[in-house]
Amino acid sequence: MSSKGLAHIAIQARNYRKTIDFYTKVFGFKVGHFWRLPAFHINEASILISPDGRTCIEMFDNEYNGTRRTQVGSP
């Protein structure tokens, strides 16, 4: 089995602004889209796009308190 890459992951950042700075300055990601979703207590969220355009990271602030979380290895 082969893989072509990672399409999308989501990260709840402890420090949203510093995390965005890290991914953009160190890895060259660009902010592709920014939004807020107050109903879910998301004050800041962005999609970061890798320099080759093949990988996206959804980054959101630490205010999110959703109850549905999936852990690796969970059904």
Protein backbone atom coordinates (compact mmCIF):
# COMPACT_ATOMS: atom_id res chain seq x y z
CA MET A 1 0.00 0.00 0.00
CA SER A 2 1.36 3.42 -0.88
CA SER A 3 0.38 6.89 0.23
CA LYS A 4 0.33 10.15 -1.69
CA GLY A 5 0.45 12.35 1.40
CA LEU A 6 -1.57 13.74 4.24
CA ALA A 7 -4.69 15.63 3.21
CA HIS A 8 -5.90 17.30 6.41
CA ILE A 9 -5.36 17.26 10.16
CA ALA A 10 -6.76 19.48 12.92
CA ILE A 11 -4.81 20.92 15.84
CA GLN A 12 -6.25 22.65 18.89
CA ALA A 13 -3.46 25.09 19.67
CA ARG A 14 -2.66 26.08 23.23
CA ASN A 15 -1.38 29.39 21.85
CA TYR A 16 -3.10 29.96 18.50
CA ARG A 17 -1.06 32.96 17.34
CA LYS A 18 2.34 31.45 18.20
CA THR A 19 1.38 28.18 16.53
CA ILE A 20 0.30 29.97 13.33
CA ASP A 21 3.60 31.91 13.36
CA PHE A 22 5.57 28.68 13.80
CA TYR A 23 3.94 26.84 10.88
CA THR A 24 4.12 29.85 8.55
CA LYS A 25 7.68 30.95 9.37
CA VAL A 26 9.38 27.58 9.94
CA PHE A 27 7.55 25.35 7.46
CA GLY A 28 6.34 27.93 4.94
CA PHE A 29 2.62 27.22 5.28
CA LYS A 30 0.21 29.95 4.11
CA VAL A 31 -3.10 30.88 5.75
CA GLY A 32 -5.71 29.83 3.19
CA HIS A 33 -8.84 30.67 5.14
CA PHE A 34 -9.74 32.18 8.53
CA TRP A 35 -13.05 31.90 10.41
CA ARG A 36 -14.78 32.05 13.77
CA LEU A 37 -17.43 29.65 15.04
CA PRO A 38 -18.84 31.07 18.29
CA ALA A 39 -21.49 28.36 18.65
CA PHE A 40 -18.62 25.91 19.29
CA HIS A 41 -16.52 28.41 21.27
CA ILE A 42 -14.00 28.69 18.43
CA ASN A 43 -12.82 32.30 18.43
CA GLU A 44 -10.08 31.83 15.83
CA ALA A 45 -9.54 29.10 13.28
CA SER A 46 -7.54 28.81 10.07
CA ILE A 47 -6.69 26.38 7.34
CA LEU A 48 -2.96 26.38 6.68
CA ILE A 49 -1.77 25.19 3.28
CA SER A 50 1.67 23.62 2.79
CA PRO A 51 4.10 25.12 0.27
CA ASP A 52 3.42 22.28 -2.21
CA GLY A 53 -0.35 22.69 -1.75
CA ARG A 54 -0.84 19.00 -0.91
CA THR A 55 -1.30 19.19 2.87
CA CYS A 56 -3.69 21.28 4.96
CA ILE A 57 -3.73 21.84 8.70
CA GLU A 58 -6.85 23.10 10.42
CA MET A 59 -5.72 25.16 13.39
CA PHE A 60 -8.10 26.41 16.05
CA ASP A 61 -7.76 28.14 19.39
CA ASN A 62 -7.84 26.55 22.82
CA GLU A 63 -11.34 27.76 23.70
CA TYR A 64 -13.11 24.87 21.94
CA ASN A 65 -14.81 22.63 24.50
CA GLY A 66 -16.52 20.06 22.28
CA THR A 67 -17.53 16.78 23.80
CA ARG A 68 -16.93 14.64 20.71
CA ARG A 69 -13.29 13.75 20.43
CA THR A 70 -11.72 10.82 18.64
CA GLN A 71 -8.50 9.31 19.88
CA VAL A 72 -6.14 7.28 17.76
CA GLY A 73 -7.12 3.64 18.10
CA SER A 74 -10.67 4.42 19.24
CA PRO A 75 -13.62 2.94 17.35
